């Protein structure tokens, strides 16, 4: 069985190689916590002071569309993903997002303050942070490009091929919102399989 820190190292190493000293520092500042389903990691107006690594769980980020009275899901995370309110965490501004757990979850938590201290004492960390941010930005950009340029069937097929676990663990209404379609449209597409 992979240890709790080994999973984190593998996820971070996929972005940038870590030396032993930086690994020890990150091991010191990440703490493991258990949270119940529906717990909010962030809410609009709050400033994100933490980032999380999902050891086990499912997480969604969404905003409220006040004109329609609906939730608009902007991102979904599962086991092995790094989670943060990107609009708040880096710039220390209030977030516009709700970040909510969809399952009972085990997360490794790190504070912005501890990461800032790490940055001061471990210059290599700057490369890791940049690589993680660039990777997330690229994935987000690709997702939004698919939402505006591909038909619903192609968006569904792409998500099914690249992230099939979402369909086993995330409510249909959240996946549909993430894909930019109505739940009944997603249900029809799933029925055609």
Protein backbone atom coordinates (compact mmCIF):
# COMPACT_ATOMS: atom_id res chain seq x y z
CA UNK A 1 0.00 0.00 0.00
CA UNK A 2 1.24 3.49 -0.84
CA UNK A 3 1.83 5.75 2.17
CA UNK A 4 -0.05 9.01 2.54
CA UNK A 5 3.04 11.05 1.73
CA UNK A 6 4.03 8.85 -1.21
CA UNK A 7 0.76 9.63 -3.00
CA UNK A 8 1.43 13.34 -2.53
CA UNK A 9 5.03 13.02 -3.75
CA UNK A 10 3.90 11.20 -6.88
CA UNK A 11 1.35 13.93 -7.63
CA UNK A 12 3.86 16.73 -7.08
CA UNK A 13 6.70 14.92 -8.87
CA UNK A 14 4.48 14.68 -11.95
CA UNK A 15 4.76 18.48 -12.11
CA UNK A 16 8.37 19.00 -11.00
CA UNK A 17 11.06 16.80 -9.39
CA UNK A 18 11.50 17.25 -5.64
CA UNK A 19 14.82 17.02 -3.82
CA UNK A 20 15.03 15.34 -0.39
CA UNK A 21 15.15 18.59 1.60
CA UNK A 22 12.03 19.99 -0.06
CA UNK A 23 10.24 16.66 0.44
CA UNK A 24 11.04 16.78 4.17
CA UNK A 25 9.75 20.36 4.38
CA UNK A 26 6.52 19.53 2.57
CA UNK A 27 6.03 16.45 4.73
CA UNK A 28 6.36 18.68 7.79
CA UNK A 29 3.77 21.25 6.65
CA UNK A 30 1.07 19.01 5.13
CA UNK A 31 -1.36 17.56 7.67
CA UNK A 32 -3.98 14.93 7.04
CA UNK A 33 -7.60 15.64 7.92
CA UNK A 34 -10.92 13.85 7.54
CA UNK A 35 -13.98 15.80 6.43
CA UNK A 36 -17.63 14.82 6.08
CA UNK A 37 -19.61 14.90 2.85
CA UNK A 38 -21.02 18.36 2.04
CA UNK A 39 -18.30 20.18 4.05
CA UNK A 40 -17.29 23.48 2.46
CA UNK A 41 -13.57 24.13 2.02
CA UNK A 42 -14.32 27.65 0.70
CA UNK A 43 -17.29 29.97 0.29
CA UNK A 44 -17.69 33.23 -1.66
CA UNK A 45 -16.24 36.22 0.13
CA UNK A 46 -13.71 34.20 2.11
CA UNK A 47 -10.00 34.35 1.35
CA UNK A 48 -8.49 30.92 0.71
CA UNK A 49 -5.77 30.28 3.25
CA UNK A 50 -5.28 26.58 2.47
CA UNK A 51 -4.74 24.17 -0.39
CA UNK A 52 -5.56 20.48 -0.29
CA UNK A 53 -4.39 17.19 -1.76
CA UNK A 54 -7.23 14.67 -2.15
CA UNK A 55 -6.12 11.30 -0.81
CA UNK A 56 -9.67 9.97 -1.01
CA UNK A 57 -12.74 11.92 -1.95
CA UNK A 58 -14.61 13.96 -4.51
CA UNK A 59 -14.76 17.76 -4.58
CA UNK A 60 -16.61 20.30 -6.69
CA UNK A 61 -16.13 24.04 -7.25
CA UNK A 62 -19.16 26.04 -8.27
CA UNK A 63 -20.69 29.49 -8.43
CA UNK A 64 -24.32 30.53 -8.16
CA UNK A 65 -26.00 31.90 -11.27
CA UNK A 66 -28.38 34.27 -9.52
CA UNK A 67 -30.36 35.06 -12.67
CA UNK A 68 -31.24 31.38 -13.20
CA UNK A 69 -31.05 30.26 -9.59
CA UNK A 70 -28.68 27.43 -10.50
CA UNK A 71 -25.25 26.18 -9.51
CA UNK A 72 -22.59 26.35 -12.24
CA UNK A 73 -19.86 23.76 -11.66
CA UNK A 74 -16.46 25.03 -12.78
CA UNK A 75 -14.24 22.14 -11.69
CA UNK A 76 -14.29 18.60 -10.25
CA UNK A 77 -11.48 16.87 -8.35
CA UNK A 78 -10.97 13.25 -7.27
CA UNK A 79 -8.30 11.16 -5.53
CA UNK A 80 -4.78 12.34 -6.35
CA UNK A 81 -5.77 15.89 -7.31
CA UNK A 82 -4.52 19.16 -5.84
CA UNK A 83 -7.36 21.51 -4.87
CA UNK A 84 -7.37 25.24 -4.25
CA UNK A 85 -9.53 28.29 -4.88
CA UNK A 86 -7.29 29.56 -7.66
CA UNK A 87 -9.04 32.94 -7.80
CA UNK A 88 -8.17 33.54 -4.14
CA UNK A 89 -5.26 31.41 -2.96
CA UNK A 90 -2.47 32.93 -5.05
CA UNK A 91 -3.58 36.57 -4.99
CA UNK A 92 -5.04 36.55 -1.48
CA UNK A 93 -8.35 37.98 -2.68
CA UNK A 94 -11.85 36.88 -1.68
CA UNK A 95 -13.02 33.89 -3.71
CA UNK A 96 -16.18 33.78 -5.80
CA UNK A 97 -16.35 29.99 -5.47
CA UNK A 98 -17.99 27.43 -3.28
CA UNK A 99 -15.65 24.42 -2.89
CA UNK A 100 -17.62 21.52 -1.45
CA UNK A 101 -16.94 17.87 -0.70
CA UNK A 102 -19.20 15.41 -2.51
CA UNK A 103 -18.07 12.44 -0.37
CA UNK A 104 -16.59 11.82 3.04
CA UNK A 105 -12.98 12.70 2.25
CA UNK A 106 -9.41 12.37 3.45
CA UNK A 107 -7.37 15.44 2.52
CA UNK A 108 -3.83 16.58 3.15
CA UNK A 109 -3.96 20.27 4.02
CA UNK A 110 -1.32 22.98 3.76
CA UNK A 111 -1.57 26.66 4.63
CA UNK A 112 -0.58 29.55 2.38
CA UNK A 113 1.56 30.85 5.25
CA UNK A 114 3.56 27.60 5.41
CA UNK A 115 3.99 27.59 1.64
CA UNK A 116 5.22 31.21 1.73
CA UNK A 117 7.77 30.21 4.39
CA UNK A 118 8.80 27.27 2.22
CA UNK A 119 9.27 29.59 -0.73
CA UNK A 120 11.63 31.79 1.30
CA UNK A 121 13.82 28.86 2.39
CA UNK A 122 13.54 26.44 -0.54
CA UNK A 123 13.96 28.24 -3.88
CA UNK A 124 13.17 24.99 -5.72
CA UNK A 125 9.62 25.31 -4.44
CA UNK A 126 9.04 28.31 -6.75
CA UNK A 127 9.52 25.99 -9.77
CA UNK A 128 7.10 23.43 -8.35
CA UNK A 129 4.45 26.05 -7.57
CA UNK A 130 4.74 27.52 -11.04
CA UNK A 131 4.55 24.09 -12.72
CA UNK A 132 1.42 23.16 -10.71
CA UNK A 133 -0.26 26.49 -11.54
CA UNK A 134 0.63 26.23 -15.24
CA UNK A 135 -0.68 22.68 -15.43
CA UNK A 136 -3.97 23.62 -13.79
CA UNK A 137 -4.32 26.73 -15.98
CA UNK A 138 -3.73 24.61 -19.10
CA UNK A 139 -6.33 22.01 -18.06
CA UNK A 140 -8.84 24.74 -17.24
CA UNK A 141 -8.23 26.51 -20.56
CA UNK A 142 -8.64 23.24 -22.50
CA UNK A 143 -11.87 22.47 -20.63
CA UNK A 144 -13.39 25.85 -21.43
CA UNK A 145 -12.23 25.61 -25.05
CA UNK A 146 -14.06 22.28 -25.38
CA UNK A 147 -17.18 23.79 -23.76
CA UNK A 148 -17.45 26.54 -26.37
CA UNK A 149 -16.16 24.73 -29.45
CA UNK A 150 -17.41 21.13 -29.25
CA UNK A 151 -20.94 19.75 -29.44
CA UNK A 152 -22.43 18.14 -26.32
CA UNK A 153 -21.74 14.60 -27.58
CA UNK A 154 -18.03 15.30 -28.06
CA UNK A 155 -17.72 16.98 -24.64
CA UNK A 156 -19.38 13.99 -23.01
CA UNK A 157 -17.21 11.46 -24.90
CA UNK A 158 -14.02 13.32 -24.00
CA UNK A 159 -14.85 13.41 -20.28
CA UNK A 160 -15.90 9.76 -20.33
CA UNK A 161 -12.57 8.77 -21.93
CA UNK A 162 -10.32 10.99 -19.80
CA UNK A 163 -12.06 10.96 -16.40
CA UNK A 164 -14.44 7.96 -16.26
CA UNK A 165 -14.39 7.84 -12.43
CA UNK A 166 -16.38 11.07 -12.33
CA UNK A 167 -19.39 9.20 -13.69
CA UNK A 168 -19.25 6.74 -10.79
CA UNK A 169 -18.81 9.27 -7.99
CA UNK A 170 -20.27 12.65 -8.98
CA UNK A 171 -24.00 13.46 -9.30
CA UNK A 172 -25.27 13.73 -12.89
CA UNK A 173 -26.43 17.33 -12.32
CA UNK A 174 -22.85 18.36 -11.39
CA UNK A 175 -21.27 16.57 -14.36
CA UNK A 176 -23.84 18.12 -16.69
CA UNK A 177 -23.13 21.59 -15.32
CA UNK A 178 -19.37 20.99 -15.64
CA UNK A 179 -19.91 20.02 -19.29
CA UNK A 180 -22.18 23.01 -19.96
CA UNK A 181 -25.38 21.05 -20.61
CA UNK A 182 -28.68 20.24 -18.95
CA UNK A 183 -28.93 17.04 -16.85
CA UNK A 184 -31.55 15.56 -19.20
CA UNK A 185 -29.17 16.08 -22.15
CA UNK A 186 -26.42 14.20 -20.30
CA UNK A 187 -28.87 11.43 -19.36
CA UNK A 188 -29.85 11.01 -23.03
CA UNK A 189 -26.19 10.85 -24.08
CA UNK A 190 -25.45 8.27 -21.39
CA UNK A 191 -28.47 6.24 -22.52
CA UNK A 192 -27.11 6.01 -26.08
CA UNK A 193 -23.98 4.15 -24.97
